[in-house]
Amino acid sequence: MHKMTRRQVIAMIPSSTVLLCPAILNAQTNIATEWADIPTTAPIGEKNLIEVPAGPAEIDVTALLPGEVTVVARPTDDESYASTGMIQYIAVHHRTADQITFGETNDRDGAIQNPAYFVANLVCTHRGKAIGITGNPEAPFACTDRGDRHSTVFDATGLAISGASEGDYLSIPEYEISVTDGAVVIQLA
């Protein structure tokens, strides 16, 4: 089993009231200027990834605090990850109380196994570019391709709320989550 350490926390997404206005989200996140020169093949925080081999994996994410995100990276032969160098990046987001409340009415059916944790593939539904972690609690994920016709921003449920993929959801990997005696373990198929 792979065990997450505090060094593998990519971002802290503080709690606040959920807003859904894309113009406000983009202004708060300031993605256009702050993300201008980042690569589109991998999420931000590449040095902090939990790297696992191809195939099934078990990751202990107990150290992840509410509002924090860690990213698992594993090789794949799935062509839908060609734009990310054949690496499947998977976010594990320990939601804040506000994000859990928001998710109770906005999560899509069957996508969430435990309302405290959002697990998603970090690949954009538009062109397969990597999704980055913004640090914004209302829009924690955004496509790293910031071109005029791209720039998708996703809310805490994985719904694209602006950009080329607006209305689409981030894909969910095959996984199971278990919480036993305070230990939180993600099992990837």
N, C-alpha and C. Protein backbone atom coordinates (compact mmCIF):
# COMPACT_ATOMS: atom_id res chain seq x y z
N MET A 1 0.85 -1.18 0.00
CA MET A 1 0.00 0.00 0.00
C MET A 1 0.89 1.24 0.00
N HIS A 2 0.47 2.25 -0.75
CA HIS A 2 1.17 3.53 -0.79
C HIS A 2 0.53 4.42 0.27
N LYS A 3 1.38 5.10 1.04
CA LYS A 3 0.86 5.97 2.09
C LYS A 3 1.20 7.42 1.75
N MET A 4 0.17 8.26 1.70
CA MET A 4 0.36 9.67 1.43
C MET A 4 1.04 10.34 2.62
N THR A 5 1.97 11.25 2.33
CA THR A 5 2.60 12.06 3.38
C THR A 5 2.16 13.50 3.23
N ARG A 6 2.43 14.32 4.20
CA ARG A 6 2.07 15.75 4.14
C ARG A 6 2.78 16.43 2.97
N ARG A 7 3.91 15.91 2.51
CA ARG A 7 4.62 16.50 1.37
C ARG A 7 3.87 16.31 0.07
N GLN A 8 2.91 15.42 0.06
CA GLN A 8 2.17 15.14 -1.17
C GLN A 8 0.84 15.87 -1.25
N VAL A 9 0.65 16.84 -0.38
CA VAL A 9 -0.52 17.71 -0.48
C VAL A 9 -0.21 18.73 -1.56
N ILE A 10 -1.02 18.77 -2.59
CA ILE A 10 -0.81 19.69 -3.71
C ILE A 10 -1.31 21.08 -3.36
N ALA A 11 -2.50 21.17 -2.78
CA ALA A 11 -3.09 22.47 -2.52
C ALA A 11 -4.03 22.41 -1.34
N MET A 12 -4.14 23.55 -0.67
CA MET A 12 -5.14 23.74 0.37
C MET A 12 -6.24 24.57 -0.24
N ILE A 13 -7.46 24.07 -0.22
CA ILE A 13 -8.60 24.80 -0.77
C ILE A 13 -9.45 25.21 0.42
N PRO A 14 -9.29 26.44 0.90
CA PRO A 14 -9.99 26.87 2.11
C PRO A 14 -11.50 26.91 1.91
N SER A 15 -12.20 26.81 2.99
CA SER A 15 -13.67 26.83 2.94
C SER A 15 -14.19 28.25 2.79
N SER A 16 -15.24 28.38 2.04
CA SER A 16 -15.97 29.64 1.94
C SER A 16 -17.30 29.36 1.26
N THR A 17 -18.14 30.35 1.18
CA THR A 17 -19.44 30.18 0.55
C THR A 17 -19.26 29.85 -0.92
N VAL A 18 -20.03 28.92 -1.43
CA VAL A 18 -19.92 28.50 -2.81
C VAL A 18 -20.62 29.50 -3.73
N LEU A 19 -19.88 30.00 -4.70
CA LEU A 19 -20.42 30.91 -5.72
C LEU A 19 -20.31 30.21 -7.06
N LEU A 20 -21.24 30.43 -7.93
CA LEU A 20 -21.20 29.75 -9.21
C LEU A 20 -21.09 30.68 -10.41
N CYS A 21 -20.84 31.94 -10.21
CA CYS A 21 -20.70 32.86 -11.34
C CYS A 21 -19.31 32.70 -11.94
N PRO A 22 -19.20 32.18 -13.19
CA PRO A 22 -17.89 31.96 -13.79
C PRO A 22 -17.01 33.20 -13.85
N ALA A 23 -17.60 34.38 -14.09
CA ALA A 23 -16.79 35.60 -14.14
C ALA A 23 -16.14 35.87 -12.78
N ILE A 24 -16.89 35.67 -11.72
CA ILE A 24 -16.34 35.86 -10.38
C ILE A 24 -15.28 34.81 -10.10
N LEU A 25 -15.57 33.57 -10.47
CA LEU A 25 -14.61 32.49 -10.22
C LEU A 25 -13.30 32.76 -10.94
N ASN A 26 -13.37 33.14 -12.21
CA ASN A 26 -12.16 33.41 -12.96
C ASN A 26 -11.40 34.60 -12.37
N ALA A 27 -12.10 35.61 -11.89
CA ALA A 27 -11.45 36.76 -11.28
C ALA A 27 -10.77 36.36 -9.97
N GLN A 28 -11.45 35.55 -9.16
CA GLN A 28 -10.88 35.12 -7.89
C GLN A 28 -9.65 34.24 -8.10
N THR A 29 -9.73 33.37 -9.08
CA THR A 29 -8.67 32.41 -9.31
C THR A 29 -7.49 33.06 -10.04
N ASN A 30 -7.76 34.05 -10.87
CA ASN A 30 -6.75 34.74 -11.65
C ASN A 30 -5.91 33.76 -12.47
N ILE A 31 -6.58 32.77 -13.04
CA ILE A 31 -5.91 31.70 -13.77
C ILE A 31 -5.18 32.24 -15.00
N ALA A 32 -5.79 33.18 -15.70
CA ALA A 32 -5.22 33.66 -16.96
C ALA A 32 -3.78 34.15 -16.79
N THR A 33 -3.50 34.88 -15.72
CA THR A 33 -2.14 35.39 -15.53
C THR A 33 -1.27 34.43 -14.75
N GLU A 34 -1.82 33.81 -13.71
CA GLU A 34 -1.02 32.95 -12.86
C GLU A 34 -0.65 31.63 -13.55
N TRP A 35 -1.43 31.19 -14.52
CA TRP A 35 -1.19 29.91 -15.17
C TRP A 35 -0.67 30.09 -16.59
N ALA A 36 -0.23 31.26 -16.95
CA ALA A 36 0.13 31.55 -18.33
C ALA A 36 1.21 30.63 -18.89
N ASP A 37 2.20 30.24 -18.09
CA ASP A 37 3.33 29.47 -18.61
C ASP A 37 3.41 28.04 -18.09
N ILE A 38 2.33 27.50 -17.58
CA ILE A 38 2.41 26.14 -17.06
C ILE A 38 2.22 25.12 -18.18
N PRO A 39 2.81 23.93 -18.03
CA PRO A 39 2.63 22.91 -19.05
C PRO A 39 1.19 22.39 -19.05
N THR A 40 0.73 21.89 -20.20
CA THR A 40 -0.63 21.37 -20.29
C THR A 40 -0.66 19.85 -20.20
N THR A 41 0.49 19.23 -19.91
CA THR A 41 0.57 17.78 -19.88
C THR A 41 0.52 17.19 -18.48
N ALA A 42 0.62 18.02 -17.45
CA ALA A 42 0.63 17.51 -16.07
C ALA A 42 0.05 18.56 -15.14
N PRO A 43 -0.57 18.13 -14.04
CA PRO A 43 -1.10 19.11 -13.10
C PRO A 43 0.02 19.82 -12.34
N ILE A 44 -0.29 21.00 -11.79
CA ILE A 44 0.66 21.72 -10.95
C ILE A 44 0.99 20.86 -9.75
N GLY A 45 2.22 20.94 -9.25
CA GLY A 45 2.62 20.17 -8.08
C GLY A 45 3.19 18.82 -8.45
N GLU A 46 3.73 18.71 -9.66
CA GLU A 46 4.23 17.45 -10.16
C GLU A 46 5.25 16.79 -9.22
N LYS A 47 6.01 17.59 -8.47
CA LYS A 47 7.02 17.04 -7.56
C LYS A 47 6.38 16.42 -6.33
N ASN A 48 5.10 16.65 -6.11
CA ASN A 48 4.41 16.17 -4.91
C ASN A 48 3.46 15.01 -5.20
N LEU A 49 3.56 14.40 -6.34
CA LEU A 49 2.64 13.35 -6.72
C LEU A 49 2.87 12.07 -5.93
N ILE A 50 1.79 11.29 -5.77
CA ILE A 50 1.90 9.93 -5.27
C ILE A 50 2.01 9.06 -6.52
N GLU A 51 3.18 8.53 -6.79
CA GLU A 51 3.39 7.74 -7.99
C GLU A 51 3.19 6.27 -7.68
N VAL A 52 2.33 5.62 -8.48
CA VAL A 52 2.05 4.20 -8.32
C VAL A 52 2.26 3.52 -9.67
N PRO A 53 2.53 2.22 -9.66
CA PRO A 53 2.68 1.51 -10.94
C PRO A 53 1.33 1.33 -11.63
N ALA A 54 1.38 0.95 -12.90
CA ALA A 54 0.16 0.67 -13.66
C ALA A 54 -0.64 -0.43 -12.97
N GLY A 55 -1.94 -0.39 -13.16
CA GLY A 55 -2.79 -1.43 -12.59
C GLY A 55 -3.39 -1.02 -11.25
N PRO A 56 -3.99 -1.98 -10.54
CA PRO A 56 -4.63 -1.67 -9.27
C PRO A 56 -3.64 -1.09 -8.26
N ALA A 57 -4.15 -0.18 -7.43
CA ALA A 57 -3.30 0.45 -6.41
C ALA A 57 -4.13 0.77 -5.18
N GLU A 58 -3.49 0.73 -4.05
CA GLU A 58 -4.14 1.06 -2.78
C GLU A 58 -3.34 2.20 -2.15
N ILE A 59 -4.03 3.30 -1.81
CA ILE A 59 -3.35 4.49 -1.29
C ILE A 59 -4.03 4.92 0.00
N ASP A 60 -3.23 5.06 1.05
CA ASP A 60 -3.72 5.55 2.34
C ASP A 60 -3.64 7.08 2.31
N VAL A 61 -4.79 7.75 2.35
CA VAL A 61 -4.85 9.21 2.30
C VAL A 61 -5.33 9.80 3.63
N THR A 62 -5.11 9.08 4.71
CA THR A 62 -5.55 9.51 6.04
C THR A 62 -5.01 10.89 6.40
N ALA A 63 -3.80 11.22 5.96
CA ALA A 63 -3.16 12.49 6.32
C ALA A 63 -3.79 13.69 5.62
N LEU A 64 -4.67 13.46 4.66
CA LEU A 64 -5.30 14.55 3.91
C LEU A 64 -6.33 15.25 4.79
N LEU A 65 -6.15 16.55 5.00
CA LEU A 65 -7.06 17.34 5.84
C LEU A 65 -8.18 17.95 5.01
N PRO A 66 -9.30 18.33 5.63
CA PRO A 66 -10.37 18.98 4.87
C PRO A 66 -9.85 20.20 4.10
N GLY A 67 -10.22 20.27 2.83
CA GLY A 67 -9.78 21.37 1.99
C GLY A 67 -8.50 21.08 1.23
N GLU A 68 -7.91 19.92 1.44
CA GLU A 68 -6.65 19.60 0.76
C GLU A 68 -6.86 18.60 -0.38
N VAL A 69 -5.93 18.65 -1.33
CA VAL A 69 -5.96 17.78 -2.50
C VAL A 69 -4.60 17.12 -2.64
N THR A 70 -4.61 15.84 -2.97
CA THR A 70 -3.40 15.15 -3.37
C THR A 70 -3.67 14.53 -4.73
N VAL A 71 -2.60 14.24 -5.47
CA VAL A 71 -2.75 13.70 -6.82
C VAL A 71 -1.95 12.41 -6.95
N VAL A 72 -2.63 11.39 -7.46
CA VAL A 72 -2.02 10.10 -7.73
C VAL A 72 -1.69 10.05 -9.22
N ALA A 73 -0.50 9.56 -9.56
CA ALA A 73 -0.09 9.43 -10.96
C ALA A 73 0.26 7.98 -11.22
N ARG A 74 -0.33 7.41 -12.28
CA ARG A 74 0.04 6.05 -12.66
C ARG A 74 0.04 5.92 -14.17
N PRO A 75 0.99 5.16 -14.70
CA PRO A 75 1.05 4.96 -16.15
C PRO A 75 -0.17 4.20 -16.64
N THR A 76 -0.54 4.46 -17.88
CA THR A 76 -1.69 3.78 -18.47
C THR A 76 -1.46 3.58 -19.96
N ASP A 77 -2.14 2.61 -20.54
CA ASP A 77 -2.09 2.45 -22.00
C ASP A 77 -3.38 2.94 -22.65
N ASP A 78 -4.22 3.61 -21.87
CA ASP A 78 -5.47 4.18 -22.36
C ASP A 78 -5.16 5.43 -23.19
N GLU A 79 -5.53 5.39 -24.47
CA GLU A 79 -5.22 6.49 -25.39
C GLU A 79 -5.87 7.82 -25.00
N SER A 80 -6.89 7.81 -24.14
CA SER A 80 -7.50 9.08 -23.73
C SER A 80 -6.55 9.90 -22.86
N TYR A 81 -5.41 9.32 -22.48
CA TYR A 81 -4.40 10.03 -21.69
C TYR A 81 -3.17 10.39 -22.53
N ALA A 82 -3.30 10.38 -23.85
CA ALA A 82 -2.18 10.70 -24.73
C ALA A 82 -1.65 12.11 -24.47
N SER A 83 -2.54 13.06 -24.20
CA SER A 83 -2.12 14.46 -23.97
C SER A 83 -1.42 14.65 -22.63
N THR A 84 -1.51 13.66 -21.74
CA THR A 84 -0.82 13.76 -20.44
C THR A 84 0.34 12.78 -20.37
N GLY A 85 0.88 12.41 -21.53
CA GLY A 85 2.05 11.55 -21.56
C GLY A 85 1.76 10.13 -21.11
N MET A 86 0.51 9.67 -21.34
CA MET A 86 0.08 8.32 -20.97
C MET A 86 0.17 8.10 -19.45
N ILE A 87 -0.06 9.18 -18.71
CA ILE A 87 -0.13 9.12 -17.26
C ILE A 87 -1.55 9.49 -16.85
N GLN A 88 -2.16 8.66 -16.02
CA GLN A 88 -3.47 8.97 -15.47
C GLN A 88 -3.25 9.71 -14.15
N TYR A 89 -3.69 10.96 -14.09
CA TYR A 89 -3.62 11.76 -12.87
C TYR A 89 -4.98 11.72 -12.19
N ILE A 90 -4.99 11.38 -10.92
CA ILE A 90 -6.24 11.25 -10.18
C ILE A 90 -6.17 12.14 -8.95
N ALA A 91 -7.13 13.05 -8.82
CA ALA A 91 -7.20 13.92 -7.65
C ALA A 91 -8.01 13.23 -6.56
N VAL A 92 -7.52 13.37 -5.33
CA VAL A 92 -8.29 12.98 -4.15
C VAL A 92 -8.44 14.25 -3.34
N HIS A 93 -9.66 14.76 -3.28
CA HIS A 93 -9.95 16.04 -2.63
C HIS A 93 -10.76 15.76 -1.36
N HIS A 94 -10.17 16.07 -0.21
CA HIS A 94 -10.91 15.95 1.06
C HIS A 94 -11.70 17.24 1.19
N ARG A 95 -12.98 17.15 0.99
CA ARG A 95 -13.83 18.33 0.95
C ARG A 95 -14.00 19.00 2.32
N THR A 96 -14.25 20.30 2.27
CA THR A 96 -14.58 21.06 3.47
C THR A 96 -16.06 20.85 3.79
N ALA A 97 -16.49 21.30 4.95
CA ALA A 97 -17.91 21.18 5.33
C ALA A 97 -18.81 21.89 4.31
N ASP A 98 -18.40 23.08 3.86
CA ASP A 98 -19.20 23.81 2.86
C ASP A 98 -19.29 23.03 1.54
N GLN A 99 -18.18 22.40 1.13
CA GLN A 99 -18.17 21.65 -0.12
C GLN A 99 -19.02 20.38 0.00
N ILE A 100 -19.03 19.76 1.18
CA ILE A 100 -19.87 18.59 1.40
C ILE A 100 -21.34 19.00 1.29
N THR A 101 -21.70 20.11 1.92
CA THR A 101 -23.08 20.61 1.85
C THR A 101 -23.46 20.92 0.41
N PHE A 102 -22.58 21.59 -0.32
CA PHE A 102 -22.83 21.89 -1.73
C PHE A 102 -23.00 20.60 -2.53
N GLY A 103 -22.16 19.61 -2.26
CA GLY A 103 -22.23 18.34 -2.96
C GLY A 103 -23.50 17.56 -2.69
N GLU A 104 -24.07 17.72 -1.50
CA GLU A 104 -25.29 16.99 -1.16
C GLU A 104 -26.42 17.25 -2.15
N THR A 105 -26.47 18.45 -2.69
CA THR A 105 -27.52 18.78 -3.66
C THR A 105 -27.02 18.85 -5.10
N ASN A 106 -25.70 18.81 -5.29
CA ASN A 106 -25.16 19.01 -6.64
C ASN A 106 -24.32 17.86 -7.18
N ASP A 107 -23.90 16.91 -6.36
CA ASP A 107 -23.12 15.77 -6.87
C ASP A 107 -23.99 14.95 -7.82
N ARG A 108 -23.39 14.44 -8.87
CA ARG A 108 -24.16 13.58 -9.78
C ARG A 108 -24.33 12.19 -9.16
N ASP A 109 -25.42 11.59 -9.44
CA ASP A 109 -25.76 10.28 -8.87
C ASP A 109 -24.69 9.25 -9.21
N GLY A 110 -24.26 8.51 -8.19
CA GLY A 110 -23.33 7.41 -8.38
C GLY A 110 -21.87 7.79 -8.48
N ALA A 111 -21.54 9.09 -8.49
CA ALA A 111 -20.15 9.50 -8.66
C ALA A 111 -19.37 9.56 -7.35
N ILE A 112 -20.06 9.77 -6.24
CA ILE A 112 -19.40 9.97 -4.96
C ILE A 112 -19.73 8.81 -4.03
N GLN A 113 -18.68 8.16 -3.53
CA GLN A 113 -18.88 7.05 -2.60
C GLN A 113 -18.90 7.51 -1.15
N ASN A 114 -18.21 8.60 -0.87
CA ASN A 114 -18.16 9.17 0.47
C ASN A 114 -18.21 10.69 0.28
N PRO A 115 -19.23 11.37 0.82
CA PRO A 115 -19.38 12.81 0.55
C PRO A 115 -18.20 13.67 1.00
N ALA A 116 -17.36 13.16 1.88
CA ALA A 116 -16.19 13.93 2.34
C ALA A 116 -15.04 13.89 1.35
N TYR A 117 -15.09 12.99 0.36
CA TYR A 117 -13.98 12.84 -0.59
C TYR A 117 -14.49 12.86 -2.02
N PHE A 118 -13.86 13.71 -2.83
CA PHE A 118 -14.15 13.76 -4.26
C PHE A 118 -12.94 13.19 -4.97
N VAL A 119 -13.15 12.16 -5.78
CA VAL A 119 -12.07 11.50 -6.51
C VAL A 119 -12.39 11.64 -8.00
N ALA A 120 -11.44 12.18 -8.78
CA ALA A 120 -11.70 12.40 -10.21
C ALA A 120 -10.42 12.30 -11.02
N ASN A 121 -10.59 11.94 -12.28
CA ASN A 121 -9.46 11.97 -13.22
C ASN A 121 -9.18 13.43 -13.57
N LEU A 122 -7.92 13.78 -13.61
CA LEU A 122 -7.53 15.15 -13.93
C LEU A 122 -7.19 15.28 -15.42
N VAL A 123 -8.21 15.02 -16.24
CA VAL A 123 -8.07 15.17 -17.68
C VAL A 123 -9.31 15.91 -18.18
N CYS A 124 -9.09 16.96 -18.94
CA CYS A 124 -10.19 17.79 -19.41
C CYS A 124 -11.06 17.05 -20.42
N THR A 125 -12.34 17.26 -20.32
CA THR A 125 -13.29 16.62 -21.22
C THR A 125 -13.25 17.23 -22.63
N HIS A 126 -12.63 18.40 -22.78
CA HIS A 126 -12.60 19.07 -24.07
C HIS A 126 -11.55 18.47 -25.00
N ARG A 127 -10.29 18.50 -24.58
CA ARG A 127 -9.22 18.01 -25.45
C ARG A 127 -8.23 17.11 -24.73
N GLY A 128 -8.58 16.67 -23.54
CA GLY A 128 -7.73 15.72 -22.83
C GLY A 128 -6.51 16.31 -22.17
N LYS A 129 -6.43 17.63 -22.05
CA LYS A 129 -5.29 18.26 -21.37
C LYS A 129 -5.40 18.02 -19.86
N ALA A 130 -4.29 18.22 -19.17
CA ALA A 130 -4.27 18.02 -17.72
C ALA A 130 -5.12 19.08 -17.03
N ILE A 131 -5.72 18.68 -15.92
CA ILE A 131 -6.48 19.59 -15.07
C ILE A 131 -5.57 19.98 -13.92
N GLY A 132 -5.56 21.26 -13.56
CA GLY A 132 -4.76 21.75 -12.45
C GLY A 132 -5.63 22.05 -11.24
N ILE A 133 -4.97 22.22 -10.10
CA ILE A 133 -5.64 22.54 -8.84
C ILE A 133 -5.50 24.04 -8.64
N THR A 134 -6.63 24.75 -8.49
CA THR A 134 -6.60 26.21 -8.45
C THR A 134 -6.38 26.81 -7.06
N GLY A 135 -6.79 26.09 -6.02
CA GLY A 135 -6.74 26.67 -4.67
C GLY A 135 -8.00 27.46 -4.33
N ASN A 136 -8.95 27.52 -5.26
CA ASN A 136 -10.20 28.26 -5.06
C ASN A 136 -11.29 27.27 -4.63
N PRO A 137 -11.91 27.44 -3.46
CA PRO A 137 -12.90 26.46 -3.00
C PRO A 137 -14.14 26.36 -3.89
N GLU A 138 -14.49 27.41 -4.60
CA GLU A 138 -15.65 27.38 -5.47
C GLU A 138 -15.35 26.73 -6.81
N ALA A 139 -14.12 26.78 -7.23
CA ALA A 139 -13.69 26.21 -8.51
C ALA A 139 -12.31 25.60 -8.32
N PRO A 140 -12.24 24.44 -7.65
CA PRO A 140 -10.94 23.88 -7.30
C PRO A 140 -10.13 23.31 -8.46
N PHE A 141 -10.76 23.12 -9.62
CA PHE A 141 -10.07 22.49 -10.74
C PHE A 141 -10.24 23.33 -12.01
N ALA A 142 -9.17 23.39 -12.83
CA ALA A 142 -9.25 24.11 -14.10
C ALA A 142 -8.30 23.48 -15.10
N CYS A 143 -8.71 23.51 -16.36
CA CYS A 143 -7.88 22.97 -17.42
C CYS A 143 -6.60 23.81 -17.54
N THR A 144 -5.48 23.13 -17.75
CA THR A 144 -4.22 23.85 -17.89
C THR A 144 -4.06 24.49 -19.26
N ASP A 145 -4.93 24.15 -20.22
CA ASP A 145 -4.92 24.79 -21.53
C ASP A 145 -5.76 26.06 -21.41
N ARG A 146 -5.10 27.20 -21.30
CA ARG A 146 -5.78 28.46 -21.01
C ARG A 146 -6.06 29.27 -22.27
N GLY A 147 -6.09 28.64 -23.44
CA GLY A 147 -6.37 29.36 -24.68
C GLY A 147 -7.78 29.92 -24.70
N ASP A 148 -8.02 30.84 -25.61
CA ASP A 148 -9.32 31.51 -25.71
C ASP A 148 -10.50 30.56 -25.86
N ARG A 149 -10.30 29.44 -26.51
CA ARG A 149 -11.41 28.52 -26.76
C ARG A 149 -11.40 27.33 -25.80
N HIS A 150 -10.61 27.42 -24.76
CA HIS A 150 -10.48 26.31 -23.82
C HIS A 150 -10.90 26.80 -22.43
N SER A 151 -9.94 26.96 -21.54
CA SER A 151 -10.12 27.63 -20.24
C SER A 151 -11.26 27.09 -19.39
N THR A 152 -11.47 25.78 -19.36
CA THR A 152 -12.55 25.22 -18.58
C THR A 152 -12.23 25.27 -17.09
N VAL A 153 -13.22 25.65 -16.30
CA VAL A 153 -13.13 25.70 -14.85
C VAL A 153 -14.20 24.76 -14.29
N PHE A 154 -13.81 23.94 -13.29
CA PHE A 154 -14.71 22.94 -12.71
C PHE A 154 -14.98 23.26 -11.24
N ASP A 155 -16.23 23.04 -10.80
CA ASP A 155 -16.57 23.27 -9.40
C ASP A 155 -16.21 22.05 -8.55
N ALA A 156 -16.56 22.07 -7.26
CA ALA A 156 -16.19 21.02 -6.32
C ALA A 156 -16.91 19.70 -6.57
N THR A 157 -17.87 19.67 -7.50
CA THR A 157 -18.52 18.42 -7.87
C THR A 157 -17.95 17.86 -9.17
N GLY A 158 -16.99 18.59 -9.77
CA GLY A 158 -16.40 18.17 -11.04
C GLY A 158 -17.16 18.66 -12.26
N LEU A 159 -18.17 19.52 -12.06
CA LEU A 159 -18.96 20.06 -13.16
C LEU A 159 -18.22 21.26 -13.76
N ALA A 160 -18.09 21.25 -15.09
CA ALA A 160 -17.49 22.39 -15.78
C ALA A 160 -18.49 23.54 -15.78
N ILE A 161 -18.11 24.65 -15.13
CA ILE A 161 -19.02 25.78 -15.00
C ILE A 161 -18.70 26.92 -15.95
N SER A 162 -17.58 26.81 -16.65
CA SER A 162 -17.25 27.78 -17.69
C SER A 162 -16.21 27.16 -18.61
N GLY A 163 -16.04 27.75 -19.78
CA GLY A 163 -15.05 27.26 -20.73
C GLY A 163 -15.62 26.29 -21.73
N ALA A 164 -14.74 25.68 -22.51
CA ALA A 164 -15.14 24.82 -23.62
C ALA A 164 -15.91 23.58 -23.19
N SER A 165 -15.68 23.11 -21.97
CA SER A 165 -16.37 21.90 -21.50
C SER A 165 -17.57 22.19 -20.62
N GLU A 166 -18.04 23.44 -20.62
CA GLU A 166 -19.15 23.83 -19.75
C GLU A 166 -20.30 22.83 -19.84
N GLY A 167 -20.77 22.38 -18.67
CA GLY A 167 -21.86 21.42 -18.61
C GLY A 167 -21.41 19.97 -18.51
N ASP A 168 -20.14 19.69 -18.81
CA ASP A 168 -19.59 18.34 -18.71
C ASP A 168 -19.00 18.12 -17.31
N TYR A 169 -18.88 16.87 -16.92
CA TYR A 169 -18.25 16.52 -15.65
C TYR A 169 -16.89 15.88 -15.88
N LEU A 170 -15.98 16.08 -14.92
CA LEU A 170 -14.73 15.33 -14.92
C LEU A 170 -15.07 13.85 -14.82
N SER A 171 -14.27 13.02 -15.47
CA SER A 171 -14.53 11.59 -15.39
C SER A 171 -14.07 11.06 -14.03
N ILE A 172 -14.70 9.99 -13.61
CA ILE A 172 -14.41 9.39 -12.32
C ILE A 172 -13.71 8.05 -12.57
N PRO A 173 -12.55 7.83 -11.92
CA PRO A 173 -11.88 6.54 -12.12
C PRO A 173 -12.64 5.43 -11.38
N GLU A 174 -12.34 4.20 -11.74
CA GLU A 174 -12.89 3.08 -10.98
C GLU A 174 -12.13 3.03 -9.66
N TYR A 175 -12.87 3.19 -8.57
CA TYR A 175 -12.21 3.19 -7.25
C TYR A 175 -13.21 2.79 -6.18
N GLU A 176 -12.66 2.47 -5.03
CA GLU A 176 -13.45 2.25 -3.82
C GLU A 176 -12.75 3.00 -2.71
N ILE A 177 -13.53 3.53 -1.80
CA ILE A 177 -12.97 4.24 -0.65
C ILE A 177 -13.47 3.54 0.61
N SER A 178 -12.57 3.35 1.55
CA SER A 178 -12.97 2.77 2.82
C SER A 178 -12.43 3.63 3.96
N VAL A 179 -13.26 3.81 4.96
CA VAL A 179 -12.87 4.54 6.16
C VAL A 179 -13.08 3.56 7.32
N THR A 180 -11.96 3.12 7.89
CA THR A 180 -12.01 2.13 8.96
C THR A 180 -11.10 2.58 10.10
N ASP A 181 -11.67 2.75 11.28
CA ASP A 181 -10.90 3.16 12.46
C ASP A 181 -10.07 4.41 12.19
N GLY A 182 -10.62 5.35 11.43
CA GLY A 182 -9.94 6.61 11.15
C GLY A 182 -8.99 6.56 9.96
N ALA A 183 -8.73 5.38 9.42
CA ALA A 183 -7.85 5.25 8.24
C ALA A 183 -8.70 5.38 6.98
N VAL A 184 -8.24 6.21 6.04
CA VAL A 184 -8.94 6.43 4.78
C VAL A 184 -8.09 5.85 3.67
N VAL A 185 -8.64 4.85 2.97
CA VAL A 185 -7.88 4.16 1.92
C VAL A 185 -8.67 4.21 0.61
N ILE A 186 -7.98 4.61 -0.46
CA ILE A 186 -8.54 4.62 -1.80
C ILE A 186 -7.96 3.41 -2.53
N GLN A 187 -8.82 2.61 -3.12
CA GLN A 187 -8.39 1.46 -3.92
C GLN A 187 -8.75 1.76 -5.36
N LEU A 188 -7.74 1.89 -6.20
CA LEU A 188 -7.95 2.14 -7.63
C LEU A 188 -7.96 0.81 -8.37
N ALA A 189 -8.93 0.64 -9.26
CA ALA A 189 -9.03 -0.61 -10.04
C ALA A 189 -7.96 -0.64 -11.12
